[in-house]
Amino acid sequence: MEVVVCPLRSLESVIAAHRASHLVSLLSEPEMIATPDPIRADHHLKLAVNDIVEPAENLIAPNIGHARRLIDFAAGWDRAAPMVVHCYAGISRSTAAALIILAAMARHGEERAIAEAMRAASPHASPNRLLVAHGDRALGRSGRLVRAVDAMVTPALAAEASAFSLSLPAVRLAP
C-alpha cells in the first residue's frame, strides 16, 4: 500500500512514475482540475476546499463531509496500485488527507506512527489541522490523530513541497 503526496505542479509526472490508479485532488473551486490520464474518473476524488483552518467569507473550509468522503474513497481503493493525493503546494491539505486515508486503513493506536512516518518522509508536511480534526472525529479516534499531528516536529518552511510516498508496513493495517 502506497500513498504518494505531491504538489499540483508535479502531479502528472508523479502519476506516471508511480503508476497510480487513484487520485485525490484538494483544491479551491477555481483551481480544480479535470481527471488526468490514465486515472479513471470514478477513481478521482475531487474535494473543492481552501487551505484555511477556520471559516472565512467566500472560501470553503474543510468540514466533516470532506473527511467522510476521503474515508469512503479510501475504503473503495483496492491498494493494488498507489494512490496520489495532491493539493496546490503538497504541504497542508494533501498531507492532512493522506493522514486521514492512512489512519482509516490502520488499526486504532497507529496514528502517531503514521504522523512520524510522514515527518520522516517530508520535512515540509504541515497537515491542515481543521481537516485532521474532522478526520479524527469521523474515524472515532478520540483526538489521537490530532495529537499525533501536534507531536510532529515543526515543519521546515517551503512554498512548495517535493513529492513523497508513504508505505507503512510497520503500521498494523486493519483487516
Protein backbone atom coordinates (compact mmCIF):
# COMPACT_ATOMS: atom_id res chain seq x y z
CA MET A 1 0.00 0.00 0.00
CA GLU A 2 1.50 3.29 -1.11
CA VAL A 3 0.13 6.81 -0.79
CA VAL A 4 2.05 9.48 -2.71
CA VAL A 5 1.69 13.16 -1.80
CA CYS A 6 2.67 15.88 -4.24
CA PRO A 7 2.03 19.46 -5.34
CA LEU A 8 -0.11 20.25 -8.37
CA ARG A 9 2.89 21.18 -10.48
CA SER A 10 4.34 17.65 -10.40
CA LEU A 11 1.05 15.74 -10.49
CA GLU A 12 1.28 14.26 -13.99
CA SER A 13 4.87 13.09 -13.61
CA VAL A 14 4.11 11.57 -10.19
CA ILE A 15 1.09 9.68 -11.52
CA ALA A 16 3.21 8.28 -14.37
CA ALA A 17 6.25 7.45 -12.23
CA HIS A 18 4.20 5.60 -9.60
CA ARG A 19 1.64 4.11 -12.00
CA ALA A 20 -1.11 5.31 -9.69
CA SER A 21 -4.68 4.07 -10.02
CA HIS A 22 -6.42 6.52 -7.66
CA LEU A 23 -6.21 10.28 -7.19
CA VAL A 24 -7.41 12.77 -4.59
CA SER A 25 -7.39 16.47 -5.54
CA LEU A 26 -7.85 19.07 -2.80
CA LEU A 27 -8.00 22.45 -4.50
CA SER A 28 -10.11 25.59 -4.41
CA GLU A 29 -13.05 25.57 -6.80
CA PRO A 30 -11.36 27.78 -9.43
CA GLU A 31 -8.20 25.63 -9.37
CA MET A 32 -9.95 22.23 -9.62
CA ILE A 33 -8.55 20.07 -12.39
CA ALA A 34 -10.05 17.61 -14.84
CA THR A 35 -9.19 13.97 -14.29
CA PRO A 36 -5.76 13.37 -15.84
CA ASP A 37 -4.86 10.30 -17.89
CA PRO A 38 -4.60 7.44 -17.06
CA ILE A 39 -6.78 7.87 -13.94
CA ARG A 40 -10.40 6.75 -14.36
CA ALA A 41 -12.99 9.38 -13.50
CA ASP A 42 -14.51 7.15 -10.79
CA HIS A 43 -11.05 6.78 -9.23
CA HIS A 44 -10.61 10.56 -8.86
CA LEU A 45 -11.98 12.23 -5.73
CA LYS A 46 -12.26 15.99 -6.17
CA LEU A 47 -12.66 17.98 -2.97
CA ALA A 48 -13.19 21.70 -3.51
CA VAL A 49 -11.71 23.14 -0.33
CA ASN A 50 -9.47 26.06 0.58
CA ASP A 51 -6.43 25.75 2.82
CA ILE A 52 -7.88 27.50 5.84
CA VAL A 53 -8.35 26.44 9.46
CA GLU A 54 -11.44 28.49 10.27
CA PRO A 55 -14.40 29.66 8.23
CA ALA A 56 -13.82 32.71 6.04
CA GLU A 57 -16.15 34.56 3.72
CA ASN A 58 -16.15 33.29 0.12
CA LEU A 59 -13.86 30.37 0.99
CA ILE A 60 -14.64 26.71 1.65
CA ALA A 61 -13.29 25.47 4.98
CA PRO A 62 -12.57 21.78 5.47
CA ASN A 63 -15.58 20.07 7.03
CA ILE A 64 -16.70 16.68 8.30
CA GLY A 65 -18.18 15.88 4.89
CA HIS A 66 -14.75 16.23 3.27
CA ALA A 67 -13.26 13.85 5.84
CA ARG A 68 -16.05 11.30 5.34
CA ARG A 69 -15.63 11.43 1.56
CA LEU A 70 -11.89 10.74 1.98
CA ILE A 71 -12.62 7.77 4.24
CA ASP A 72 -15.25 6.37 1.86
CA PHE A 73 -12.93 6.82 -1.12
CA ALA A 74 -10.11 5.02 0.69
CA ALA A 75 -12.48 2.15 1.51
CA GLY A 76 -13.05 1.64 -2.22
CA TRP A 77 -9.33 1.55 -3.05
CA ASP A 78 -8.05 -1.98 -3.62
CA ARG A 79 -4.44 -0.94 -2.81
CA ALA A 80 -3.13 -2.81 -5.87
CA ALA A 81 -1.59 0.40 -7.25
CA PRO A 82 -0.62 3.63 -5.46
CA MET A 83 -2.98 6.45 -4.63
CA VAL A 84 -1.78 10.01 -5.29
CA VAL A 85 -3.02 12.82 -3.05
CA HIS A 86 -2.31 16.40 -4.02
CA CYS A 87 -3.16 19.99 -3.27
CA TYR A 88 -1.65 23.14 -4.70
CA ALA A 89 1.66 23.05 -2.77
CA GLY A 90 1.71 19.49 -1.41
CA ILE A 91 2.11 20.76 2.15
CA SER A 92 -1.15 21.16 4.05
CA ARG A 93 -4.43 19.87 2.59
CA SER A 94 -2.82 16.89 0.87
CA THR A 95 -0.82 15.82 3.91
CA ALA A 96 -3.93 16.05 6.10
CA ALA A 97 -5.86 13.95 3.59
CA ALA A 98 -3.07 11.37 3.40
CA LEU A 99 -3.05 11.06 7.20
CA ILE A 100 -6.81 10.52 7.24
CA ILE A 101 -6.65 7.93 4.44
CA LEU A 102 -3.83 6.01 6.13
CA ALA A 103 -5.50 6.21 9.54
CA ALA A 104 -8.72 4.88 8.00
CA MET A 105 -6.83 1.77 6.91
CA ALA A 106 -4.76 1.37 10.08
CA ARG A 107 -5.76 -0.01 13.42
CA HIS A 108 -6.65 2.35 16.24
CA GLY A 109 -3.50 3.40 18.07
CA GLU A 110 -1.33 3.72 14.93
CA GLU A 111 -1.94 7.46 14.47
CA ARG A 112 1.40 8.54 15.93
CA ALA A 113 3.35 6.04 13.80
CA ILE A 114 1.66 7.39 10.67
CA ALA A 115 2.47 11.01 11.59
CA GLU A 116 6.07 10.07 12.40
CA ALA A 117 6.42 8.29 9.05
CA MET A 118 5.07 11.39 7.32
CA ARG A 119 7.54 13.67 9.07
CA ALA A 120 10.41 11.32 8.19
CA ALA A 121 9.29 11.34 4.54
CA SER A 122 8.74 15.11 4.27
CA PRO A 123 10.29 17.91 6.30
CA HIS A 124 7.66 20.28 4.86
CA ALA A 125 4.48 18.38 5.72
CA SER A 126 2.16 20.61 7.73
CA PRO A 127 -1.26 18.89 7.83
CA ASN A 128 -4.26 21.21 7.84
CA ARG A 129 -5.44 20.99 11.47
CA LEU A 130 -9.11 21.56 10.72
CA LEU A 131 -9.25 18.75 8.17
CA VAL A 132 -7.31 16.49 10.55
CA ALA A 133 -9.73 17.29 13.39
CA HIS A 134 -12.70 16.38 11.19
CA GLY A 135 -10.93 13.17 10.13
CA ASP A 136 -10.22 12.31 13.75
CA ARG A 137 -13.90 12.76 14.61
CA ALA A 138 -15.13 10.83 11.55
CA LEU A 139 -12.80 7.93 12.36
CA GLY A 140 -13.70 7.94 16.06
CA ARG A 141 -10.06 8.40 17.10
CA SER A 142 -10.83 10.40 20.25
CA GLY A 143 -8.26 13.10 19.46
CA ARG A 144 -5.36 10.69 18.77
CA LEU A 145 -4.93 11.82 15.16
CA VAL A 146 -4.91 15.49 16.20
CA ARG A 147 -2.40 14.77 18.98
CA ALA A 148 -0.20 12.85 16.51
CA VAL A 149 -0.08 15.92 14.26
CA ASP A 150 0.62 18.16 17.26
CA ALA A 151 3.59 15.92 18.14
CA MET A 152 5.16 16.25 14.70
CA VAL A 153 8.38 18.24 14.65
CA THR A 154 7.83 21.78 13.36
CA PRO A 155 7.92 21.67 9.56
CA ALA A 156 10.62 23.30 7.51
CA LEU A 157 9.19 26.26 5.63
CA ALA A 158 8.72 25.96 1.88
CA ALA A 159 6.49 27.44 -0.79
CA GLU A 160 6.06 24.00 -2.32
CA ALA A 161 6.97 20.51 -1.16
CA SER A 162 8.63 17.74 -3.10
CA ALA A 163 6.62 14.61 -3.78
CA PHE A 164 6.97 11.86 -1.18
CA SER A 165 5.41 8.48 -0.61
CA LEU A 166 4.31 6.61 2.45
CA SER A 167 4.38 2.84 2.54
CA LEU A 168 3.67 1.72 6.02
CA PRO A 169 4.38 -1.95 6.51
CA ALA A 170 5.40 -1.18 10.10
CA VAL A 171 1.95 0.20 10.81
CA ARG A 172 -0.56 -2.52 11.58
CA LEU A 173 -3.24 -2.28 8.93
CA ALA A 174 -6.78 -3.14 9.77
CA PRO A 175 -8.02 -6.33 8.09
